[in-house]
């Protein structure tokens, strides 16, 4: 998956947001995980890569 593919998926998911926090939780989680993948980040204090947290 290329950076352009990830960004396109983020844009698609952002278009599905409703403004209802509870309905949007899963979508926001997917967006967060994609942004972490895009930026190459991992959770703080995490000794292993993101596979450890499921991202």
PDB file of N, CA and C in Angstrom:
ATOM      1  N   UNK A   1       0.856  -1.174   0.000  1.00  0.00           N
ATOM      2  CA  UNK A   1       0.000   0.000   0.000  1.00  0.00           C
ATOM      3  C   UNK A   1       0.904   1.240   0.000  1.00  0.00           C
ATOM      4  N   UNK A   2       0.706   2.103  -0.974  1.00  0.00           N
ATOM      5  CA  UNK A   2       1.530   3.299  -1.100  1.00  0.00           C
ATOM      6  C   UNK A   2       0.971   4.421  -0.223  1.00  0.00           C
ATOM      7  N   UNK A   3       1.780   5.465  -0.075  1.00  0.00           N
ATOM      8  CA  UNK A   3       1.355   6.616   0.722  1.00  0.00           C
ATOM      9  C   UNK A   3       0.099   7.251   0.118  1.00  0.00           C
ATOM     10  N   UNK A   4       0.017   7.250  -1.210  1.00  0.00           N
ATOM     11  CA  UNK A   4      -1.164   7.825  -1.869  1.00  0.00           C
ATOM     12  C   UNK A   4      -2.407   6.989  -1.576  1.00  0.00           C
ATOM     13  N   UNK A   5      -2.248   5.667  -1.552  1.00  0.00           N
ATOM     14  CA  UNK A   5      -3.373   4.786  -1.235  1.00  0.00           C
ATOM     15  C   UNK A   5      -3.854   5.012   0.196  1.00  0.00           C
ATOM     16  N   UNK A   6      -2.898   5.138   1.109  1.00  0.00           N
ATOM     17  CA  UNK A   6      -3.251   5.360   2.518  1.00  0.00           C
ATOM     18  C   UNK A   6      -3.976   6.686   2.668  1.00  0.00           C
ATOM     19  N   UNK A   7      -3.445   7.743   2.013  1.00  0.00           N
ATOM     20  CA  UNK A   7      -4.070   9.065   2.118  1.00  0.00           C
ATOM     21  C   UNK A   7      -5.471   9.054   1.513  1.00  0.00           C
ATOM     22  N   UNK A   8      -5.652   8.327   0.411  1.00  0.00           N
ATOM     23  CA  UNK A   8      -6.977   8.231  -0.214  1.00  0.00           C
ATOM     24  C   UNK A   8      -7.959   7.528   0.714  1.00  0.00           C
ATOM     25  N   UNK A   9      -7.494   6.482   1.400  1.00  0.00           N
ATOM     26  CA  UNK A   9      -8.372   5.773   2.337  1.00  0.00           C
ATOM     27  C   UNK A   9      -8.730   6.664   3.527  1.00  0.00           C
ATOM     28  N   UNK A  10      -7.767   7.451   4.013  1.00  0.00           N
ATOM     29  CA  UNK A  10      -8.032   8.389   5.106  1.00  0.00           C
ATOM     30  C   UNK A  10      -9.097   9.397   4.678  1.00  0.00           C
ATOM     31  N   UNK A  11      -8.956   9.927   3.468  1.00  0.00           N
ATOM     32  CA  UNK A  11      -9.919  10.902   2.956  1.00  0.00           C
ATOM     33  C   UNK A  11     -11.312  10.289   2.844  1.00  0.00           C
ATOM     34  N   UNK A  12     -11.379   9.051   2.364  1.00  0.00           N
ATOM     35  CA  UNK A  12     -12.664   8.356   2.263  1.00  0.00           C
ATOM     36  C   UNK A  12     -13.293   8.177   3.632  1.00  0.00           C
ATOM     37  N   UNK A  13     -12.492   7.740   4.598  1.00  0.00           N
ATOM     38  CA  UNK A  13     -13.009   7.528   5.952  1.00  0.00           C
ATOM     39  C   UNK A  13     -13.457   8.846   6.586  1.00  0.00           C
ATOM     40  N   UNK A  14     -12.692   9.912   6.362  1.00  0.00           N
ATOM     41  CA  UNK A  14     -13.073  11.216   6.924  1.00  0.00           C
ATOM     42  C   UNK A  14     -14.409  11.674   6.355  1.00  0.00           C
ATOM     43  N   UNK A  15     -14.718  11.299   5.129  1.00  0.00           N
ATOM     44  CA  UNK A  15     -15.996  11.639   4.521  1.00  0.00           C
ATOM     45  C   UNK A  15     -17.162  10.888   5.140  1.00  0.00           C
ATOM     46  N   UNK A  16     -16.874   9.806   5.859  1.00  0.00           N
ATOM     47  CA  UNK A  16     -17.913   8.999   6.488  1.00  0.00           C
ATOM     48  C   UNK A  16     -18.223   9.441   7.920  1.00  0.00           C
ATOM     49  N   UNK A  17     -17.468  10.393   8.454  1.00  0.00           N
ATOM     50  CA  UNK A  17     -17.691  10.849   9.821  1.00  0.00           C
ATOM     51  C   UNK A  17     -19.039  11.557   9.936  1.00  0.00           C
ATOM     52  N   UNK A  18     -19.746  11.279  11.031  1.00  0.00           N
ATOM     53  CA  UNK A  18     -21.094  11.820  11.212  1.00  0.00           C
ATOM     54  C   UNK A  18     -21.152  12.966  12.212  1.00  0.00           C
ATOM     55  N   UNK A  19     -20.142  13.077  13.060  1.00  0.00           N
ATOM     56  CA  UNK A  19     -20.177  14.067  14.124  1.00  0.00           C
ATOM     57  C   UNK A  19     -20.641  13.477  15.441  1.00  0.00           C
ATOM     58  N   UNK A  20     -21.140  12.246  15.413  1.00  0.00           N
ATOM     59  CA  UNK A  20     -21.557  11.533  16.618  1.00  0.00           C
ATOM     60  C   UNK A  20     -20.354  10.739  17.120  1.00  0.00           C
ATOM     61  N   UNK A  21     -19.856  11.115  18.283  1.00  0.00           N
ATOM     62  CA  UNK A  21     -18.637  10.515  18.814  1.00  0.00           C
ATOM     63  C   UNK A  21     -18.719   8.992  18.868  1.00  0.00           C
ATOM     64  N   UNK A  22     -19.833   8.467  19.296  1.00  0.00           N
ATOM     65  CA  UNK A  22     -19.945   7.016  19.467  1.00  0.00           C
ATOM     66  C   UNK A  22     -20.005   6.287  18.129  1.00  0.00           C
ATOM     67  N   UNK A  23     -20.680   6.866  17.159  1.00  0.00           N
ATOM     68  CA  UNK A  23     -20.724   6.248  15.830  1.00  0.00           C
ATOM     69  C   UNK A  23     -19.381   6.373  15.116  1.00  0.00           C
ATOM     70  N   UNK A  24     -18.662   7.442  15.386  1.00  0.00           N
ATOM     71  CA  UNK A  24     -17.409   7.721  14.686  1.00  0.00           C
ATOM     72  C   UNK A  24     -16.185   7.044  15.305  1.00  0.00           C
ATOM     73  N   UNK A  25     -16.332   6.419  16.482  1.00  0.00           N
ATOM     74  CA  UNK A  25     -15.162   5.856  17.168  1.00  0.00           C
ATOM     75  C   UNK A  25     -14.383   4.877  16.303  1.00  0.00           C
ATOM     76  N   UNK A  26     -15.067   3.941  15.659  1.00  0.00           N
ATOM     77  CA  UNK A  26     -14.372   2.946  14.844  1.00  0.00           C
ATOM     78  C   UNK A  26     -13.680   3.600  13.650  1.00  0.00           C
ATOM     79  N   UNK A  27     -14.368   4.547  13.033  1.00  0.00           N
ATOM     80  CA  UNK A  27     -13.785   5.236  11.875  1.00  0.00           C
ATOM     81  C   UNK A  27     -12.566   6.029  12.299  1.00  0.00           C
ATOM     82  N   UNK A  28     -12.668   6.751  13.417  1.00  0.00           N
ATOM     83  CA  UNK A  28     -11.535   7.539  13.905  1.00  0.00           C
ATOM     84  C   UNK A  28     -10.354   6.647  14.284  1.00  0.00           C
ATOM     85  N   UNK A  29     -10.639   5.466  14.807  1.00  0.00           N
ATOM     86  CA  UNK A  29      -9.581   4.524  15.136  1.00  0.00           C
ATOM     87  C   UNK A  29      -8.867   4.064  13.866  1.00  0.00           C
ATOM     88  N   UNK A  30      -9.626   3.768  12.814  1.00  0.00           N
ATOM     89  CA  UNK A  30      -9.026   3.368  11.542  1.00  0.00           C
ATOM     90  C   UNK A  30      -8.182   4.497  10.964  1.00  0.00           C
ATOM     91  N   UNK A  31      -8.708   5.729  11.033  1.00  0.00           N
ATOM     92  CA  UNK A  31      -7.968   6.889  10.537  1.00  0.00           C
ATOM     93  C   UNK A  31      -6.667   7.050  11.312  1.00  0.00           C
ATOM     94  N   UNK A  32      -6.741   6.930  12.633  1.00  0.00           N
ATOM     95  CA  UNK A  32      -5.548   7.055  13.479  1.00  0.00           C
ATOM     96  C   UNK A  32      -4.501   6.012  13.108  1.00  0.00           C
ATOM     97  N   UNK A  33      -4.930   4.766  12.937  1.00  0.00           N
ATOM     98  CA  UNK A  33      -3.996   3.695  12.589  1.00  0.00           C
ATOM     99  C   UNK A  33      -3.370   3.929  11.220  1.00  0.00           C
ATOM    100  N   UNK A  34      -4.149   4.414  10.269  1.00  0.00           N
ATOM    101  CA  UNK A  34      -3.608   4.709   8.944  1.00  0.00           C
ATOM    102  C   UNK A  34      -2.609   5.856   9.002  1.00  0.00           C
ATOM    103  N   UNK A  35      -2.900   6.885   9.799  1.00  0.00           N
ATOM    104  CA  UNK A  35      -1.972   8.009   9.936  1.00  0.00           C
ATOM    105  C   UNK A  35      -0.665   7.568  10.602  1.00  0.00           C
ATOM    106  N   UNK A  36      -0.775   6.650  11.569  1.00  0.00           N
ATOM    107  CA  UNK A  36       0.438   6.117  12.198  1.00  0.00           C
ATOM    108  C   UNK A  36       1.266   5.364  11.163  1.00  0.00           C
ATOM    109  N   UNK A  37       0.604   4.583  10.316  1.00  0.00           N
ATOM    110  CA  UNK A  37       1.311   3.842   9.272  1.00  0.00           C
ATOM    111  C   UNK A  37       1.940   4.809   8.276  1.00  0.00           C
ATOM    112  N   UNK A  38       1.206   5.850   7.912  1.00  0.00           N
ATOM    113  CA  UNK A  38       1.675   6.832   6.946  1.00  0.00           C
ATOM    114  C   UNK A  38       2.896   7.575   7.469  1.00  0.00           C
ATOM    115  N   UNK A  39       2.870   7.933   8.757  1.00  0.00           N
ATOM    116  CA  UNK A  39       3.954   8.704   9.356  1.00  0.00           C
ATOM    117  C   UNK A  39       5.068   7.843   9.936  1.00  0.00           C
ATOM    118  N   UNK A  40       4.860   6.540   9.983  1.00  0.00           N
ATOM    119  CA  UNK A  40       5.882   5.652  10.522  1.00  0.00           C
ATOM    120  C   UNK A  40       6.053   5.786  12.014  1.00  0.00           C
ATOM    121  N   UNK A  41       4.981   6.103  12.725  1.00  0.00           N
ATOM    122  CA  UNK A  41       5.066   6.275  14.175  1.00  0.00           C
ATOM    123  C   UNK A  41       4.583   5.028  14.897  1.00  0.00           C
ATOM    124  N   UNK A  42       4.919   4.964  16.162  1.00  0.00           N
ATOM    125  CA  UNK A  42       4.442   3.880  17.008  1.00  0.00           C
ATOM    126  C   UNK A  42       4.068   4.467  18.363  1.00  0.00           C
ATOM    127  N   UNK A  43       3.309   3.755  19.160  1.00  0.00           N
ATOM    128  CA  UNK A  43       2.891   4.277  20.463  1.00  0.00           C
ATOM    129  C   UNK A  43       4.085   4.592  21.361  1.00  0.00           C
ATOM    130  N   UNK A  44       3.934   5.591  22.220  1.00  0.00           N
ATOM    131  CA  UNK A  44       4.994   5.952  23.157  1.00  0.00           C
ATOM    132  C   UNK A  44       5.287   4.792  24.097  1.00  0.00           C
ATOM    133  N   UNK A  45       6.535   4.686  24.527  1.00  0.00           N
ATOM    134  CA  UNK A  45       6.981   3.650  25.451  1.00  0.00           C
ATOM    135  C   UNK A  45       6.759   2.250  24.899  1.00  0.00           C
ATOM    136  N   UNK A  46       6.671   2.115  23.611  1.00  0.00           N
ATOM    137  CA  UNK A  46       6.478   0.818  22.983  1.00  0.00           C
ATOM    138  C   UNK A  46       7.828   0.308  22.504  1.00  0.00           C
ATOM    139  N   UNK A  47       8.259  -0.824  23.038  1.00  0.00           N
ATOM    140  CA  UNK A  47       9.567  -1.358  22.688  1.00  0.00           C
ATOM    141  C   UNK A  47       9.540  -2.077  21.339  1.00  0.00           C
ATOM    142  N   UNK A  48       8.392  -2.604  20.943  1.00  0.00           N
ATOM    143  CA  UNK A  48       8.287  -3.288  19.667  1.00  0.00           C
ATOM    144  C   UNK A  48       7.475  -2.446  18.715  1.00  0.00           C
ATOM    145  N   UNK A  49       7.514  -2.801  17.439  1.00  0.00           N
ATOM    146  CA  UNK A  49       6.769  -2.054  16.447  1.00  0.00           C
ATOM    147  C   UNK A  49       5.272  -2.179  16.676  1.00  0.00           C
ATOM    148  N   UNK A  50       4.480  -1.509  15.900  1.00  0.00           N
ATOM    149  CA  UNK A  50       3.049  -1.401  16.114  1.00  0.00           C
ATOM    150  C   UNK A  50       2.305  -2.741  16.053  1.00  0.00           C
ATOM    151  N   UNK A  51       2.940  -3.790  15.569  1.00  0.00           N
ATOM    152  CA  UNK A  51       2.271  -5.086  15.596  1.00  0.00           C
ATOM    153  C   UNK A  51       1.898  -5.467  17.012  1.00  0.00           C
ATOM    154  N   UNK A  52       2.636  -4.956  17.995  1.00  0.00           N
ATOM    155  CA  UNK A  52       2.376  -5.278  19.393  1.00  0.00           C
ATOM    156  C   UNK A  52       1.046  -4.736  19.891  1.00  0.00           C
ATOM    157  N   UNK A  53       0.601  -3.615  19.317  1.00  0.00           N
ATOM    158  CA  UNK A  53      -0.671  -3.038  19.778  1.00  0.00           C
ATOM    159  C   UNK A  53      -1.798  -3.303  18.802  1.00  0.00           C
ATOM    160  N   UNK A  54      -1.508  -3.952  17.688  1.00  0.00           N
ATOM    161  CA  UNK A  54      -2.540  -4.279  16.727  1.00  0.00           C
ATOM    162  C   UNK A  54      -2.767  -3.218  15.676  1.00  0.00           C
ATOM    163  N   UNK A  55      -1.973  -2.160  15.686  1.00  0.00           N
ATOM    164  CA  UNK A  55      -2.143  -1.100  14.681  1.00  0.00           C
ATOM    165  C   UNK A  55      -1.520  -1.502  13.368  1.00  0.00           C
TER     166      UNK A  55
END
